[in-house]
Amino acid sequence: MIDQEIDTVIHNLPLYLKREVLNYIELLANNYRNRTNTTKKKFKFDWEGGLADVEGKMTSVQLQHKAMGWR
């Protein structure tokens, strides 16, 4: 059904617009392929416990200020 509607609309367009539609369709297809082909990376927790030595020595606000200085 939708294919027939698309065909009808495209058929009635002038040639220069048909080329634009084709370019847009190719862009959409490439974006779709790129999205579906990428493997989703899982979040790593290898940083967990990295600030264990700071616990009790600094508040979270103090740690935020120190982190701002590292940037």
C-alpha atoms as a PDB file:
ATOM      1  CA  MET A   1       0.000   0.000   0.000  1.00  0.00           C
ATOM      2  CA  ILE A   2       2.625   2.548   1.037  1.00  0.00           C
ATOM      3  CA  ASP A   3       4.798   1.553  -1.924  1.00  0.00           C
ATOM      4  CA  GLN A   4       1.998   2.436  -4.332  1.00  0.00           C
ATOM      5  CA  GLU A   5       1.479   5.805  -2.640  1.00  0.00           C
ATOM      6  CA  ILE A   6       5.184   6.581  -2.877  1.00  0.00           C
ATOM      7  CA  ASP A   7       5.275   5.529  -6.523  1.00  0.00           C
ATOM      8  CA  THR A   8       2.288   7.746  -7.344  1.00  0.00           C
ATOM      9  CA  VAL A   9       3.732  10.810  -5.652  1.00  0.00           C
ATOM     10  CA  ILE A  10       7.184  10.349  -7.194  1.00  0.00           C
ATOM     11  CA  HIS A  11       5.724   9.669 -10.633  1.00  0.00           C
ATOM     12  CA  ASN A  12       4.015  13.072 -10.613  1.00  0.00           C
ATOM     13  CA  LEU A  13       7.169  15.003  -9.674  1.00  0.00           C
ATOM     14  CA  PRO A  14       9.376  16.824 -12.177  1.00  0.00           C
ATOM     15  CA  LEU A  15      12.717  15.193 -12.975  1.00  0.00           C
ATOM     16  CA  TYR A  16      14.826  17.568 -10.847  1.00  0.00           C
ATOM     17  CA  LEU A  17      12.702  16.758  -7.774  1.00  0.00           C
ATOM     18  CA  LYS A  18      12.895  13.039  -8.494  1.00  0.00           C
ATOM     19  CA  ARG A  19      16.674  13.349  -8.271  1.00  0.00           C
ATOM     20  CA  GLU A  20      16.370  15.126  -4.918  1.00  0.00           C
ATOM     21  CA  VAL A  21      14.042  12.413  -3.652  1.00  0.00           C
ATOM     22  CA  LEU A  22      16.525   9.752  -4.763  1.00  0.00           C
ATOM     23  CA  ASN A  23      19.360  11.548  -2.961  1.00  0.00           C
ATOM     24  CA  TYR A  24      17.267  11.787   0.189  1.00  0.00           C
ATOM     25  CA  ILE A  25      16.276   8.115   0.032  1.00  0.00           C
ATOM     26  CA  GLU A  26      19.935   7.123  -0.332  1.00  0.00           C
ATOM     27  CA  LEU A  27      20.824   9.296   2.664  1.00  0.00           C
ATOM     28  CA  LEU A  28      18.108   7.665   4.761  1.00  0.00           C
ATOM     29  CA  ALA A  29      19.187   4.183   3.663  1.00  0.00           C
ATOM     30  CA  ASN A  30      22.843   4.880   4.509  1.00  0.00           C
ATOM     31  CA  ASN A  31      21.924   6.263   7.928  1.00  0.00           C
ATOM     32  CA  TYR A  32      19.751   3.224   8.605  1.00  0.00           C
ATOM     33  CA  ARG A  33      22.512   0.820   7.580  1.00  0.00           C
ATOM     34  CA  ASN A  34      25.051   2.637   9.733  1.00  0.00           C
ATOM     35  CA  ARG A  35      22.730   2.515  12.740  1.00  0.00           C
ATOM     36  CA  THR A  36      21.919  -1.162  12.387  1.00  0.00           C
ATOM     37  CA  ASN A  37      25.492  -2.267  11.627  1.00  0.00           C
ATOM     38  CA  THR A  38      27.092  -0.697  14.660  1.00  0.00           C
ATOM     39  CA  THR A  39      27.553  -2.995  17.576  1.00  0.00           C
ATOM     40  CA  LYS A  40      26.407  -1.549  20.830  1.00  0.00           C
ATOM     41  CA  LYS A  41      29.226  -1.224  23.306  1.00  0.00           C
ATOM     42  CA  LYS A  42      28.453  -2.111  26.858  1.00  0.00           C
ATOM     43  CA  PHE A  43      29.459   0.289  29.577  1.00  0.00           C
ATOM     44  CA  LYS A  44      32.563  -0.831  31.432  1.00  0.00           C
ATOM     45  CA  PHE A  45      32.886  -0.550  35.170  1.00  0.00           C
ATOM     46  CA  ASP A  46      36.657  -0.886  35.250  1.00  0.00           C
ATOM     47  CA  TRP A  47      36.817   2.497  36.981  1.00  0.00           C
ATOM     48  CA  GLU A  48      34.768   1.205  39.917  1.00  0.00           C
ATOM     49  CA  GLY A  49      36.563   1.742  43.220  1.00  0.00           C
ATOM     50  CA  GLY A  50      39.114   4.078  41.638  1.00  0.00           C
ATOM     51  CA  LEU A  51      38.473   6.745  44.269  1.00  0.00           C
ATOM     52  CA  ALA A  52      38.347   4.422  47.271  1.00  0.00           C
ATOM     53  CA  ASP A  53      41.408   6.130  48.772  1.00  0.00           C
ATOM     54  CA  VAL A  54      39.565   9.483  48.759  1.00  0.00           C
ATOM     55  CA  GLU A  55      36.594   8.210  50.755  1.00  0.00           C
ATOM     56  CA  GLY A  56      36.246  10.090  54.018  1.00  0.00           C
ATOM     57  CA  LYS A  57      38.927  12.641  53.079  1.00  0.00           C
ATOM     58  CA  MET A  58      36.878  14.802  50.710  1.00  0.00           C
ATOM     59  CA  THR A  59      33.240  15.645  50.232  1.00  0.00           C
ATOM     60  CA  SER A  60      31.618  15.146  46.847  1.00  0.00           C
ATOM     61  CA  VAL A  61      31.603  18.925  46.330  1.00  0.00           C
ATOM     62  CA  GLN A  62      35.317  19.175  47.071  1.00  0.00           C
ATOM     63  CA  LEU A  63      35.936  16.328  44.659  1.00  0.00           C
ATOM     64  CA  GLN A  64      33.893  18.114  41.973  1.00  0.00           C
ATOM     65  CA  HIS A  65      35.988  21.261  42.420  1.00  0.00           C
ATOM     66  CA  LYS A  66      39.186  19.246  42.176  1.00  0.00           C
ATOM     67  CA  ALA A  67      37.916  17.528  39.008  1.00  0.00           C
ATOM     68  CA  MET A  68      37.193  20.926  37.457  1.00  0.00           C
ATOM     69  CA  GLY A  69      40.847  21.777  37.970  1.00  0.00           C
ATOM     70  CA  TRP A  70      41.907  18.622  36.085  1.00  0.00           C
ATOM     71  CA  ARG A  71      40.070  19.707  32.938  1.00  0.00           C
END
